[in-house]
Amino acid sequence: MLNKFPIKILIVIFVILATGVDAYGFGSRPPRQRKIIRVAVVRSKPQITLTLEGCYEIYALGTDMKILSGSRLKKTVINSTAEGLKINDEDFKIYGIKILIDKDGAIFVNGRSFRGHVDIIRETDLTLLVVNHIDIEDYLFGVLQCEVPFRWPYPVLKVQAIAARTYALYQSQVNRKKDYDVTNDTFSQVYGGAGKERYRARKAVIKTQSIVLTYNGKIFPTYYHATCGGHTEDACELWNIDLPPLKGVECSFCKKSPHYDWKSQMAIKEIEEKLTVGGYKVSQILDIVPLKRDRSKRIRDLKILYKGGSIKIGANKFRLLLGSRYIRSTNFAVKVKGEKAFFKGYGWGHGVGLCQWGAYFMSKKGYKAGEILKYYYPHAEIKNFFEINHVETK
């Protein structure tokens, strides 16, 4: 029988048994280990609605005092009060509640469903903070579809899963003394909860389970953005971060991105209003002048000339005040004509780390997930989070 067995099949079986290499290319998937991430899914709201599908228990936060339990909770309104929380028509003199539910159940907050368990906290300004405590891998199920289209090639989905996992774990370490690790918006990572999960995205998370990026044995903030526009940004231009994986690289891959270049215009009066709200009191703007550009061609600072004087403002600050809808990146030119300012630029986002559209076109050229990660995060190493000894952050 052995002589008749195809020798090529024997070789393949031997290699699989000897190496244990899984299909996703980063080594055998390890047994599931849990790491909880705390996600702020609602902030600064005076009221929320809560619905629970499945057996649940609700405790006063920080205690063993059970205040509610049952097999299902219909749509319930929770308000913040001067003395605590009001659940429907009943007042509780507590600062928060913890909601636990069976693994097959679902928690709905303002109509959105979430895995894990949820804390509802009354803040000092009498608004509500809702924090979803969820396993890192389950969290990523609700992140991927919100950050990249789930129909994109698998190498890109795997790259995004690893970058998002590393970023979340980094934030969980630097924010361990706060009420939450990450938010659910573009200031952190967009997280849509269980309602945003898709099969292909889930598969990419599962195939890269526990895989992270490190530099010198430490995880670091693996930033990413939509399109770099030709060169990724050096993180130290924006934040107090000076790491080789985040120094920026040339990128010719995103040229066909729909966000590679852009144009916009804004009324001078609207610019003045937005700057004033941001603490820069200006009126009758005459010109907007870029002062200096960095290695990636992005503007560092701008001078705003107005009737009676001028101010200097960081380009990224300027972009955030005016809004990324109008100023998609800090790599732009500007002309003031009459009552309007006209902008023409390249790229979308802060530009640091992974260029998502660049990764998309790299995968189309045949690059694997590991190669894409090494390109956009040079000098980084691909590791299993739970196998790193004394994991620290950069």
Protein backbone atom coordinates (compact mmCIF):
# COMPACT_ATOMS: atom_id res chain seq x y z
CA MET A 1 0.00 0.00 0.00
CA LEU A 2 2.76 2.44 0.91
CA ASN A 3 4.39 2.10 -2.51
CA LYS A 4 1.12 2.99 -4.21
CA PHE A 5 0.50 6.06 -2.04
CA PRO A 6 1.40 9.25 -3.97
CA ILE A 7 4.76 10.47 -2.73
CA LYS A 8 3.70 14.16 -3.03
CA ILE A 9 0.81 13.63 -0.65
CA LEU A 10 3.14 11.94 1.84
CA ILE A 11 5.49 14.91 1.70
CA VAL A 12 2.65 17.41 2.29
CA ILE A 13 1.35 15.41 5.27
CA PHE A 14 4.85 15.17 6.73
CA VAL A 15 5.40 18.94 6.44
CA ILE A 16 2.07 19.75 8.09
CA LEU A 17 2.70 17.33 10.95
CA ALA A 18 6.27 18.50 11.41
CA THR A 19 5.66 22.24 11.31
CA GLY A 20 2.09 22.63 12.48
CA VAL A 21 1.73 25.58 10.08
CA ASP A 22 -1.84 26.79 9.74
CA ALA A 23 -3.30 28.24 6.55
CA TYR A 24 -3.03 31.82 7.73
CA GLY A 25 0.76 31.73 7.58
CA PHE A 26 1.66 32.94 11.09
CA GLY A 27 2.00 29.54 12.76
CA SER A 28 -0.53 27.26 14.43
CA ARG A 29 -3.51 29.00 15.90
CA PRO A 30 -3.15 28.81 19.69
CA PRO A 31 -5.86 27.70 22.11
CA ARG A 32 -8.29 30.55 22.77
CA GLN A 33 -7.05 32.73 25.61
CA ARG A 34 -9.14 35.60 26.86
CA LYS A 35 -8.12 39.22 27.07
CA ILE A 36 -10.86 41.71 27.89
CA ILE A 37 -11.05 45.10 26.19
CA ARG A 38 -13.16 47.94 27.60
CA VAL A 39 -14.90 49.92 24.87
CA ALA A 40 -16.76 53.19 25.48
CA VAL A 41 -19.77 52.72 23.21
CA VAL A 42 -21.83 55.66 24.54
CA ARG A 43 -20.50 58.84 26.10
CA SER A 44 -21.98 62.08 27.44
CA LYS A 45 -25.64 61.12 27.01
CA PRO A 46 -28.27 61.97 29.66
CA GLN A 47 -30.40 58.97 28.66
CA ILE A 48 -30.07 55.58 26.99
CA THR A 49 -32.38 52.69 26.11
CA LEU A 50 -31.58 49.12 27.15
CA THR A 51 -33.03 45.83 25.92
CA LEU A 52 -31.87 42.38 27.02
CA GLU A 53 -32.57 39.17 25.09
CA GLY A 54 -31.79 36.15 27.28
CA CYS A 55 -31.30 35.40 30.97
CA TYR A 56 -29.67 38.38 32.67
CA GLU A 57 -28.56 39.77 36.01
CA ILE A 58 -27.99 43.44 36.84
CA TYR A 59 -25.79 44.43 39.78
CA ALA A 60 -24.94 47.73 41.42
CA LEU A 61 -21.52 48.49 40.01
CA GLY A 62 -18.63 47.56 42.29
CA THR A 63 -20.83 45.46 44.60
CA ASP A 64 -22.50 42.05 44.80
CA MET A 65 -25.93 43.67 45.19
CA LYS A 66 -28.29 42.30 42.57
CA ILE A 67 -30.97 44.82 41.65
CA LEU A 68 -32.68 43.11 38.69
CA SER A 69 -32.75 39.69 36.97
CA GLY A 70 -34.91 37.76 34.59
CA SER A 71 -35.15 35.93 31.27
CA ARG A 72 -35.79 39.02 29.13
CA LEU A 73 -35.86 42.77 29.62
CA LYS A 74 -38.08 44.76 27.31
CA LYS A 75 -37.01 48.20 26.09
CA THR A 76 -36.06 50.12 29.22
CA VAL A 77 -35.12 53.78 29.62
CA ILE A 78 -32.21 54.65 31.89
CA ASN A 79 -31.64 58.23 33.01
CA SER A 80 -28.93 59.92 35.04
CA THR A 81 -30.18 61.72 38.15
CA ALA A 82 -28.61 63.85 40.85
CA GLU A 83 -28.67 60.88 43.25
CA GLY A 84 -27.91 58.01 40.89
CA LEU A 85 -29.77 56.20 38.12
CA LYS A 86 -33.42 56.00 37.16
CA ILE A 87 -34.42 52.74 35.47
CA ASN A 88 -37.85 53.25 33.95
CA ASP A 89 -39.75 54.78 36.88
CA GLU A 90 -37.59 53.40 39.71
CA ASP A 91 -34.78 55.43 41.30
CA PHE A 92 -31.57 53.78 42.48
CA LYS A 93 -28.99 55.56 44.63
CA ILE A 94 -26.03 54.01 42.83
CA TYR A 95 -23.40 55.43 40.49
CA GLY A 96 -23.59 52.58 37.99
CA ILE A 97 -24.77 49.11 37.04
CA LYS A 98 -23.14 45.99 35.62
CA ILE A 99 -25.22 43.95 33.16
CA LEU A 100 -24.44 40.25 32.76
CA ILE A 101 -26.18 38.01 30.25
CA ASP A 102 -26.02 34.38 29.13
CA LYS A 103 -23.50 33.65 26.38
CA ASP A 104 -26.35 33.06 23.91
CA GLY A 105 -28.10 36.29 24.89
CA ALA A 106 -27.75 39.82 23.53
CA ILE A 107 -27.46 43.28 25.06
CA PHE A 108 -28.97 46.15 23.07
CA VAL A 109 -27.95 49.71 23.92
CA ASN A 110 -29.74 52.41 21.93
CA GLY A 111 -30.73 49.71 19.46
CA ARG A 112 -27.21 48.33 18.87
CA SER A 113 -26.32 44.82 19.99
CA PHE A 114 -23.18 43.93 21.93
CA ARG A 115 -21.40 40.80 23.08
CA GLY A 116 -19.77 40.45 26.49
CA HIS A 117 -21.14 42.48 29.37
CA VAL A 118 -21.90 46.16 29.81
CA ASP A 119 -21.38 48.76 32.53
CA ILE A 120 -23.52 51.91 32.66
CA ILE A 121 -21.87 54.65 34.69
CA ARG A 122 -23.20 58.00 35.85
CA GLU A 123 -20.51 60.62 35.28
CA THR A 124 -19.91 63.65 37.51
CA ASP A 125 -21.57 65.90 34.91
CA LEU A 126 -24.72 63.73 35.20
CA THR A 127 -24.30 62.16 31.77
CA LEU A 128 -24.04 58.44 31.09
CA LEU A 129 -21.01 56.43 30.02
CA VAL A 130 -21.62 52.94 28.62
CA VAL A 131 -18.64 50.58 28.58
CA ASN A 132 -18.69 47.24 26.77
CA HIS A 133 -16.36 44.66 28.38
CA ILE A 134 -15.58 42.18 25.64
CA ASP A 135 -12.98 39.58 24.66
CA ILE A 136 -10.42 41.09 22.27
CA GLU A 137 -11.23 38.63 19.46
CA ASP A 138 -15.00 39.20 19.75
CA TYR A 139 -14.30 42.94 19.80
CA LEU A 140 -12.40 42.65 16.52
CA PHE A 141 -15.39 40.91 14.93
CA GLY A 142 -17.21 44.24 15.31
CA VAL A 143 -14.25 46.38 14.21
CA LEU A 144 -13.07 44.95 10.88
CA GLN A 145 -16.18 45.63 8.80
CA CYS A 146 -16.21 49.22 10.13
CA GLU A 147 -12.57 49.84 9.19
CA VAL A 148 -12.23 48.07 5.80
CA PRO A 149 -14.82 46.54 3.45
CA PHE A 150 -15.35 42.87 4.32
CA ARG A 151 -15.19 41.93 0.63
CA TRP A 152 -11.57 43.09 0.36
CA PRO A 153 -8.88 40.40 -0.20
CA TYR A 154 -8.11 38.19 2.79
CA PRO A 155 -4.50 39.41 3.15
CA VAL A 156 -5.84 42.93 3.80
CA LEU A 157 -8.44 41.69 6.28
CA LYS A 158 -5.70 39.78 8.14
CA VAL A 159 -3.43 42.85 8.13
CA GLN A 160 -6.27 44.98 9.50
CA ALA A 161 -7.10 42.40 12.17
CA ILE A 162 -3.48 42.31 13.39
CA ALA A 163 -3.11 46.11 13.34
CA ALA A 164 -6.44 46.64 15.15
CA ARG A 165 -5.65 43.94 17.72
CA THR A 166 -2.23 45.42 18.47
CA TYR A 167 -3.63 48.93 18.75
CA ALA A 168 -6.41 47.85 21.14
CA LEU A 169 -4.02 45.87 23.36
CA TYR A 170 -1.61 48.80 23.45
CA GLN A 171 -4.42 51.12 24.54
CA SER A 172 -5.57 48.63 27.18
CA GLN A 173 -2.15 48.88 28.79
CA VAL A 174 -1.71 52.66 28.67
CA ASN A 175 -5.32 53.28 29.82
CA ARG A 176 -5.53 50.63 32.52
CA LYS A 177 -6.32 53.24 35.21
CA LYS A 178 -9.18 54.79 33.22
CA ASP A 179 -12.79 53.66 32.87
CA TYR A 180 -12.23 52.41 29.32
CA ASP A 181 -9.42 51.45 26.95
CA VAL A 182 -10.77 52.59 23.59
CA THR A 183 -13.70 54.50 22.15
CA ASN A 184 -15.90 53.29 19.31
CA ASP A 185 -15.18 56.13 16.88
CA THR A 186 -12.49 57.41 14.50
CA PHE A 187 -10.52 58.88 17.40
CA SER A 188 -9.75 55.29 18.38
CA GLN A 189 -11.16 52.41 16.30
CA VAL A 190 -14.64 52.28 14.84
CA TYR A 191 -16.54 49.49 16.60
CA GLY A 192 -20.09 48.63 15.56
CA GLY A 193 -20.82 45.81 17.99
CA ALA A 194 -22.33 42.45 17.06
CA GLY A 195 -24.59 44.03 14.44
CA LYS A 196 -21.60 44.88 12.24
CA GLU A 197 -20.03 41.41 12.15
CA ARG A 198 -19.49 39.73 8.78
CA TYR A 199 -18.38 36.18 8.01
CA ARG A 200 -15.24 37.07 5.99
CA ALA A 201 -14.11 39.57 8.60
CA ARG A 202 -14.71 37.06 11.41
CA LYS A 203 -12.68 34.48 9.51
CA ALA A 204 -9.73 36.89 9.20
CA VAL A 205 -9.83 37.54 12.95
CA ILE A 206 -9.96 33.83 13.76
CA LYS A 207 -7.12 33.00 11.36
CA THR A 208 -4.87 35.61 13.02
CA GLN A 209 -5.95 34.92 16.59
CA SER A 210 -3.63 36.51 19.20
CA ILE A 211 -1.17 37.76 16.55
CA VAL A 212 0.27 41.24 17.19
CA LEU A 213 3.14 43.46 16.12
CA THR A 214 6.03 44.29 18.43
CA TYR A 215 9.21 46.32 18.34
CA ASN A 216 12.06 45.22 20.63
CA GLY A 217 9.60 42.85 22.29
CA LYS A 218 7.03 45.52 23.09
CA ILE A 219 3.70 46.24 21.44
CA PHE A 220 3.27 49.73 20.04
CA PRO A 221 0.39 51.86 18.70
CA THR A 222 -0.17 50.44 15.22
CA TYR A 223 -1.91 53.46 13.70
CA TYR A 224 -3.56 53.20 10.32
CA HIS A 225 -5.46 55.41 7.90
CA ALA A 226 -7.33 55.26 4.58
CA THR A 227 -4.82 56.62 2.04
CA CYS A 228 -1.38 58.13 2.57
CA GLY A 229 -1.14 59.90 -0.79
CA GLY A 230 2.41 58.86 -1.59
CA HIS A 231 4.26 58.70 1.74
CA THR A 232 3.18 57.66 5.22
CA GLU A 233 3.78 60.11 8.05
CA ASP A 234 6.37 60.04 10.82
CA ALA A 235 4.42 59.65 14.07
CA CYS A 236 6.68 62.11 15.88
CA GLU A 237 5.28 64.87 13.63
CA LEU A 238 1.92 64.44 15.35
CA TRP A 239 2.53 62.83 18.72
CA ASN A 240 5.30 62.20 21.21
CA ILE A 241 6.14 58.88 19.55
CA ASP A 242 9.52 58.18 17.96
CA LEU A 243 9.72 54.55 16.80
CA PRO A 244 11.33 52.97 13.70
CA PRO A 245 8.08 51.16 12.68
CA LEU A 246 6.28 54.52 12.63
CA LYS A 247 8.86 56.73 10.89
CA GLY A 248 7.03 56.66 7.55
CA VAL A 249 7.71 54.98 4.20
CA GLU A 250 7.27 55.85 0.55
CA CYS A 251 4.10 54.36 -0.89
CA SER A 252 3.36 54.08 -4.59
CA PHE A 253 0.64 51.50 -4.07
CA CYS A 254 -2.30 53.79 -3.24
CA LYS A 255 -2.21 55.88 -6.44
CA LYS A 256 -5.45 54.29 -7.65
CA SER A 257 -7.23 54.86 -4.36
CA PRO A 258 -10.43 56.91 -4.70
CA HIS A 259 -9.01 59.11 -1.94
CA TYR A 260 -5.54 59.63 -3.43
CA ASP A 261 -6.25 63.27 -4.29
CA TRP A 262 -9.06 65.62 -3.36
CA LYS A 263 -10.40 69.14 -3.71
CA SER A 264 -12.63 71.22 -1.48
CA GLN A 265 -13.68 74.76 -0.78
CA MET A 266 -14.97 76.57 2.26
CA ALA A 267 -16.38 80.01 2.92
CA ILE A 268 -13.93 82.28 4.76
CA LYS A 269 -16.66 83.15 7.25
CA GLU A 270 -17.12 79.47 8.11
CA ILE A 271 -13.36 79.02 8.58
CA GLU A 272 -13.32 82.03 10.93
CA GLU A 273 -16.20 80.56 12.94
CA LYS A 274 -14.55 77.15 13.28
CA LEU A 275 -11.21 78.67 14.29
CA THR A 276 -12.93 80.89 16.86
CA VAL A 277 -14.69 77.88 18.39
CA GLY A 278 -11.25 76.24 18.62
CA GLY A 279 -9.83 79.22 20.53
CA TYR A 280 -8.30 81.16 17.63
CA LYS A 281 -10.10 84.51 17.40
CA VAL A 282 -9.71 85.74 13.86
CA SER A 283 -11.83 87.85 11.54
CA GLN A 284 -11.56 88.98 7.95
CA ILE A 285 -8.99 86.37 6.89
CA LEU A 286 -6.77 87.62 4.08
CA ASP A 287 -4.60 84.56 3.42
CA ILE A 288 -3.66 81.07 4.64
CA VAL A 289 0.03 80.32 4.18
CA PRO A 290 1.81 76.94 4.70
CA LEU A 291 5.04 77.59 6.64
CA LYS A 292 6.94 74.31 6.43
CA ARG A 293 6.48 70.79 5.12
CA ASP A 294 7.96 67.59 6.52
CA ARG A 295 9.55 64.63 4.74
CA SER A 296 6.17 63.27 3.65
CA LYS A 297 5.22 66.65 2.12
CA ARG A 298 2.63 67.29 4.80
CA ILE A 299 2.34 70.78 6.25
CA ARG A 300 3.60 71.24 9.79
CA ASP A 301 2.31 74.75 10.49
CA LEU A 302 0.18 77.40 8.85
CA LYS A 303 0.07 81.16 9.18
CA ILE A 304 -3.39 82.71 9.12
CA LEU A 305 -3.20 86.34 8.00
CA TYR A 306 -6.21 88.44 8.94
CA LYS A 307 -7.08 92.09 9.21
CA GLY A 308 -5.18 93.35 12.24
CA GLY A 309 -2.67 90.52 12.66
CA SER A 310 -1.76 86.87 12.14
CA ILE A 311 -1.68 83.59 14.03
CA LYS A 312 0.34 80.40 13.69
CA ILE A 313 -1.49 77.08 13.94
CA GLY A 314 -0.45 73.46 13.54
CA ALA A 315 -1.70 72.00 10.28
CA ASN A 316 -3.22 68.95 11.96
CA LYS A 317 -5.02 71.16 14.47
CA PHE A 318 -6.30 73.26 11.57
CA ARG A 319 -7.50 70.12 9.80
CA LEU A 320 -9.36 68.83 12.84
CA LEU A 321 -11.00 72.18 13.54
CA LEU A 322 -12.26 72.58 9.97
CA GLY A 323 -13.21 68.90 9.74
CA SER A 324 -11.79 65.97 7.77
CA ARG A 325 -14.73 66.26 5.38
CA TYR A 326 -13.10 69.42 4.01
CA ILE A 327 -9.41 68.88 4.85
CA ARG A 328 -8.75 65.17 4.35
CA SER A 329 -5.03 65.36 5.10
CA THR A 330 -2.35 67.95 5.85
CA ASN A 331 -0.72 67.43 2.45
CA PHE A 332 -2.50 70.23 0.63
CA ALA A 333 -2.20 73.56 -1.15
CA VAL A 334 -4.57 76.44 -0.42
CA LYS A 335 -5.62 79.64 -2.17
CA VAL A 336 -7.82 82.37 -0.75
CA LYS A 337 -9.96 84.06 -3.37
CA GLY A 338 -12.54 86.59 -2.31
CA GLU A 339 -14.86 85.07 0.28
CA LYS A 340 -13.70 81.47 -0.18
CA ALA A 341 -10.64 79.28 0.37
CA PHE A 342 -9.85 76.54 -2.16
CA PHE A 343 -7.95 73.42 -1.09
CA LYS A 344 -6.26 70.73 -3.18
CA GLY A 345 -4.53 67.83 -1.47
CA TYR A 346 -3.44 64.20 -1.32
CA GLY A 347 -4.43 61.34 0.96
CA TRP A 348 -7.08 60.83 3.62
CA GLY A 349 -6.27 60.57 7.32
CA HIS A 350 -3.36 61.36 9.62
CA GLY A 351 -1.06 59.26 7.43
CA VAL A 352 0.74 57.31 10.19
CA GLY A 353 1.32 53.55 9.91
CA LEU A 354 -0.72 51.34 7.61
CA CYS A 355 -2.12 52.82 4.40
CA GLN A 356 -5.28 50.74 3.98
CA TRP A 357 -5.73 51.39 0.26
CA GLY A 358 -2.02 50.81 -0.25
CA ALA A 359 -2.44 47.44 1.47
CA TYR A 360 -5.39 46.70 -0.82
CA PHE A 361 -3.37 47.26 -3.97
CA MET A 362 -0.34 45.43 -2.52
CA SER A 363 -2.54 42.37 -2.01
CA LYS A 364 -3.74 42.68 -5.60
CA LYS A 365 -0.09 42.45 -6.67
CA GLY A 366 0.34 39.21 -4.72
CA TYR A 367 1.83 40.45 -1.43
CA LYS A 368 0.96 38.37 1.63
CA ALA A 369 -0.27 39.75 4.95
CA GLY A 370 3.13 39.46 6.64
CA GLU A 371 4.85 41.27 3.77
CA ILE A 372 2.34 44.13 3.89
CA LEU A 373 2.78 44.51 7.64
CA LYS A 374 6.57 44.54 7.36
CA TYR A 375 6.38 47.18 4.61
CA TYR A 376 4.22 49.69 6.47
CA TYR A 377 5.66 48.92 9.92
CA PRO A 378 9.38 48.38 9.13
CA HIS A 379 11.48 46.70 11.86
CA ALA A 380 8.32 45.36 13.53
CA GLU A 381 8.05 41.68 14.44
CA ILE A 382 4.99 39.44 14.18
CA LYS A 383 4.37 37.69 17.51
CA ASN A 384 1.76 35.84 19.53
CA PHE A 385 0.57 38.22 22.26
CA PHE A 386 0.28 35.50 24.89
CA GLU A 387 3.79 34.18 24.21
CA ILE A 388 5.55 37.51 24.78
CA ASN A 389 7.37 37.52 28.10
CA HIS A 390 6.63 40.56 30.28
CA VAL A 391 4.75 42.39 27.56
CA GLU A 392 5.26 46.13 27.77
CA THR A 393 4.22 49.05 25.63
CA LYS A 394 6.28 51.46 23.61
